[in-house]
Amino acid sequence: MNVTYKKLWKLLIDKQITAADIRRATELSSCTMSKLRHDEPVSITVLLKVAAVLDCDISDMCEFEKSSVDR
């Protein structure tokens, strides 16, 4: 399965918050932000920090997609 953070980026646009704002508020590293931008897995702790800042649930920010191998 692959993770996608499309919902996160849409949520940021809807709330008029930049990725830089999230990075500062959560004190995430640039490497972690890069993982989010490239739909790479990050820890639950990271997702919980972002969810707390955005006042949302993890499921509001990401979802899992089946890859062709998983089908």
N, C-alpha and C. Protein backbone atom coordinates (compact mmCIF):
# COMPACT_ATOMS: atom_id res chain seq x y z
N MET A 1 0.84 -1.19 0.00
CA MET A 1 0.00 0.00 0.00
C MET A 1 0.88 1.24 0.00
N ASN A 2 0.38 2.27 -0.62
CA ASN A 2 1.08 3.55 -0.68
C ASN A 2 0.27 4.60 0.07
N VAL A 3 0.97 5.52 0.69
CA VAL A 3 0.31 6.61 1.39
C VAL A 3 0.29 7.84 0.48
N THR A 4 -0.77 8.62 0.59
CA THR A 4 -0.84 9.89 -0.12
C THR A 4 -1.30 10.97 0.86
N TYR A 5 -0.72 12.15 0.73
CA TYR A 5 -1.05 13.27 1.60
C TYR A 5 -1.80 14.36 0.85
N LYS A 6 -2.47 14.01 -0.24
CA LYS A 6 -3.23 14.98 -1.02
C LYS A 6 -4.24 15.72 -0.15
N LYS A 7 -4.86 15.00 0.76
CA LYS A 7 -5.85 15.62 1.65
C LYS A 7 -5.20 16.70 2.54
N LEU A 8 -3.97 16.45 2.96
CA LEU A 8 -3.25 17.43 3.78
C LEU A 8 -3.05 18.72 3.02
N TRP A 9 -2.58 18.61 1.78
CA TRP A 9 -2.29 19.82 1.00
C TRP A 9 -3.57 20.59 0.69
N LYS A 10 -4.66 19.87 0.45
CA LYS A 10 -5.95 20.54 0.22
C LYS A 10 -6.42 21.23 1.50
N LEU A 11 -6.24 20.56 2.63
CA LEU A 11 -6.63 21.13 3.92
C LEU A 11 -5.84 22.41 4.21
N LEU A 12 -4.56 22.41 3.90
CA LEU A 12 -3.74 23.60 4.11
C LEU A 12 -4.24 24.76 3.24
N ILE A 13 -4.58 24.46 2.00
CA ILE A 13 -5.12 25.50 1.11
C ILE A 13 -6.43 26.04 1.66
N ASP A 14 -7.31 25.13 2.06
CA ASP A 14 -8.62 25.54 2.59
C ASP A 14 -8.48 26.40 3.84
N LYS A 15 -7.50 26.10 4.68
CA LYS A 15 -7.30 26.86 5.93
C LYS A 15 -6.33 28.03 5.75
N GLN A 16 -5.84 28.21 4.53
CA GLN A 16 -4.89 29.27 4.20
C GLN A 16 -3.65 29.23 5.11
N ILE A 17 -3.10 28.03 5.21
CA ILE A 17 -1.90 27.80 6.00
C ILE A 17 -0.83 27.26 5.04
N THR A 18 0.38 27.76 5.18
CA THR A 18 1.45 27.29 4.31
C THR A 18 2.17 26.10 4.94
N ALA A 19 2.89 25.37 4.10
CA ALA A 19 3.71 24.26 4.60
C ALA A 19 4.77 24.79 5.57
N ALA A 20 5.27 25.98 5.31
CA ALA A 20 6.27 26.59 6.21
C ALA A 20 5.64 26.87 7.58
N ASP A 21 4.38 27.31 7.60
CA ASP A 21 3.68 27.54 8.87
C ASP A 21 3.58 26.25 9.67
N ILE A 22 3.22 25.17 8.98
CA ILE A 22 3.11 23.87 9.65
C ILE A 22 4.46 23.42 10.17
N ARG A 23 5.48 23.61 9.36
CA ARG A 23 6.82 23.19 9.77
C ARG A 23 7.26 23.92 11.03
N ARG A 24 7.02 25.22 11.07
CA ARG A 24 7.40 26.01 12.25
C ARG A 24 6.58 25.60 13.47
N ALA A 25 5.29 25.44 13.29
CA ALA A 25 4.40 25.13 14.42
C ALA A 25 4.67 23.75 15.02
N THR A 26 5.10 22.81 14.18
CA THR A 26 5.33 21.45 14.64
C THR A 26 6.80 21.14 14.87
N GLU A 27 7.68 22.06 14.45
CA GLU A 27 9.12 21.89 14.55
C GLU A 27 9.60 20.63 13.80
N LEU A 28 8.96 20.37 12.66
CA LEU A 28 9.37 19.23 11.82
C LEU A 28 10.63 19.60 11.04
N SER A 29 11.43 18.61 10.74
CA SER A 29 12.63 18.84 9.95
C SER A 29 12.27 19.03 8.49
N SER A 30 13.18 19.61 7.74
CA SER A 30 12.95 19.78 6.31
C SER A 30 12.88 18.42 5.63
N CYS A 31 13.58 17.44 6.15
CA CYS A 31 13.54 16.08 5.61
C CYS A 31 12.15 15.47 5.76
N THR A 32 11.53 15.67 6.90
CA THR A 32 10.17 15.16 7.12
C THR A 32 9.18 15.85 6.21
N MET A 33 9.33 17.15 6.03
CA MET A 33 8.43 17.88 5.12
C MET A 33 8.60 17.37 3.70
N SER A 34 9.82 17.06 3.33
CA SER A 34 10.08 16.52 2.01
C SER A 34 9.39 15.16 1.84
N LYS A 35 9.43 14.34 2.87
CA LYS A 35 8.73 13.05 2.81
C LYS A 35 7.23 13.25 2.59
N LEU A 36 6.66 14.23 3.28
CA LEU A 36 5.23 14.51 3.11
C LEU A 36 4.95 14.97 1.68
N ARG A 37 5.80 15.84 1.17
CA ARG A 37 5.60 16.34 -0.20
C ARG A 37 5.69 15.24 -1.25
N HIS A 38 6.49 14.23 -0.97
CA HIS A 38 6.71 13.15 -1.93
C HIS A 38 5.92 11.88 -1.61
N ASP A 39 4.92 12.01 -0.74
CA ASP A 39 4.06 10.88 -0.38
C ASP A 39 4.84 9.67 0.12
N GLU A 40 5.82 9.96 0.97
CA GLU A 40 6.59 8.89 1.60
C GLU A 40 6.09 8.71 3.03
N PRO A 41 6.21 7.52 3.58
CA PRO A 41 5.73 7.27 4.94
C PRO A 41 6.45 8.13 5.99
N VAL A 42 5.69 8.61 6.95
CA VAL A 42 6.24 9.31 8.12
C VAL A 42 5.64 8.65 9.36
N SER A 43 6.18 8.96 10.51
CA SER A 43 5.70 8.33 11.74
C SER A 43 4.33 8.86 12.15
N ILE A 44 3.65 8.07 12.95
CA ILE A 44 2.36 8.48 13.51
C ILE A 44 2.55 9.73 14.36
N THR A 45 3.67 9.83 15.04
CA THR A 45 3.95 11.01 15.87
C THR A 45 3.94 12.28 15.03
N VAL A 46 4.53 12.22 13.86
CA VAL A 46 4.53 13.37 12.96
C VAL A 46 3.11 13.73 12.56
N LEU A 47 2.34 12.72 12.18
CA LEU A 47 0.96 12.97 11.76
C LEU A 47 0.13 13.54 12.91
N LEU A 48 0.36 13.06 14.12
CA LEU A 48 -0.37 13.58 15.27
C LEU A 48 -0.02 15.04 15.56
N LYS A 49 1.26 15.41 15.39
CA LYS A 49 1.67 16.80 15.59
C LYS A 49 0.97 17.71 14.59
N VAL A 50 0.94 17.30 13.33
CA VAL A 50 0.30 18.11 12.29
C VAL A 50 -1.21 18.18 12.54
N ALA A 51 -1.80 17.06 12.90
CA ALA A 51 -3.24 17.02 13.18
C ALA A 51 -3.60 17.95 14.34
N ALA A 52 -2.76 18.01 15.34
CA ALA A 52 -3.03 18.89 16.49
C ALA A 52 -3.02 20.35 16.07
N VAL A 53 -2.07 20.72 15.22
CA VAL A 53 -1.99 22.11 14.75
C VAL A 53 -3.19 22.45 13.88
N LEU A 54 -3.61 21.51 13.04
CA LEU A 54 -4.73 21.76 12.13
C LEU A 54 -6.09 21.47 12.76
N ASP A 55 -6.07 20.95 13.99
CA ASP A 55 -7.30 20.59 14.70
C ASP A 55 -8.15 19.64 13.84
N CYS A 56 -7.51 18.53 13.44
CA CYS A 56 -8.21 17.56 12.61
C CYS A 56 -7.75 16.15 12.99
N ASP A 57 -8.25 15.17 12.29
CA ASP A 57 -7.90 13.77 12.50
C ASP A 57 -6.88 13.35 11.44
N ILE A 58 -6.11 12.33 11.73
CA ILE A 58 -5.13 11.85 10.76
C ILE A 58 -5.80 11.49 9.43
N SER A 59 -6.97 10.91 9.51
CA SER A 59 -7.68 10.51 8.28
C SER A 59 -8.09 11.71 7.43
N ASP A 60 -8.08 12.91 8.01
CA ASP A 60 -8.37 14.12 7.24
C ASP A 60 -7.16 14.58 6.43
N MET A 61 -5.99 13.98 6.69
CA MET A 61 -4.76 14.41 6.04
C MET A 61 -4.16 13.41 5.09
N CYS A 62 -4.43 12.14 5.31
CA CYS A 62 -3.79 11.14 4.46
C CYS A 62 -4.72 9.96 4.22
N GLU A 63 -4.36 9.21 3.21
CA GLU A 63 -5.09 7.97 2.94
C GLU A 63 -4.14 7.00 2.28
N PHE A 64 -4.53 5.75 2.31
CA PHE A 64 -3.71 4.70 1.73
C PHE A 64 -4.35 4.21 0.45
N GLU A 65 -3.51 4.02 -0.55
CA GLU A 65 -3.97 3.55 -1.85
C GLU A 65 -3.30 2.21 -2.13
N LYS A 66 -4.06 1.29 -2.66
CA LYS A 66 -3.49 0.01 -3.03
C LYS A 66 -2.61 0.19 -4.26
N SER A 67 -1.45 -0.41 -4.21
CA SER A 67 -0.58 -0.41 -5.39
C SER A 67 -0.95 -1.57 -6.28
N SER A 68 -0.44 -1.59 -7.47
CA SER A 68 -0.76 -2.66 -8.41
C SER A 68 -0.31 -4.03 -7.87
N VAL A 69 0.71 -4.04 -7.01
CA VAL A 69 1.19 -5.27 -6.42
C VAL A 69 0.20 -5.80 -5.38
N ASP A 70 -0.49 -4.86 -4.68
CA ASP A 70 -1.42 -5.24 -3.61
C ASP A 70 -2.76 -5.76 -4.16
N ARG A 71 -3.05 -5.50 -5.39
CA ARG A 71 -4.36 -5.85 -5.93
C ARG A 71 -4.48 -7.29 -6.30
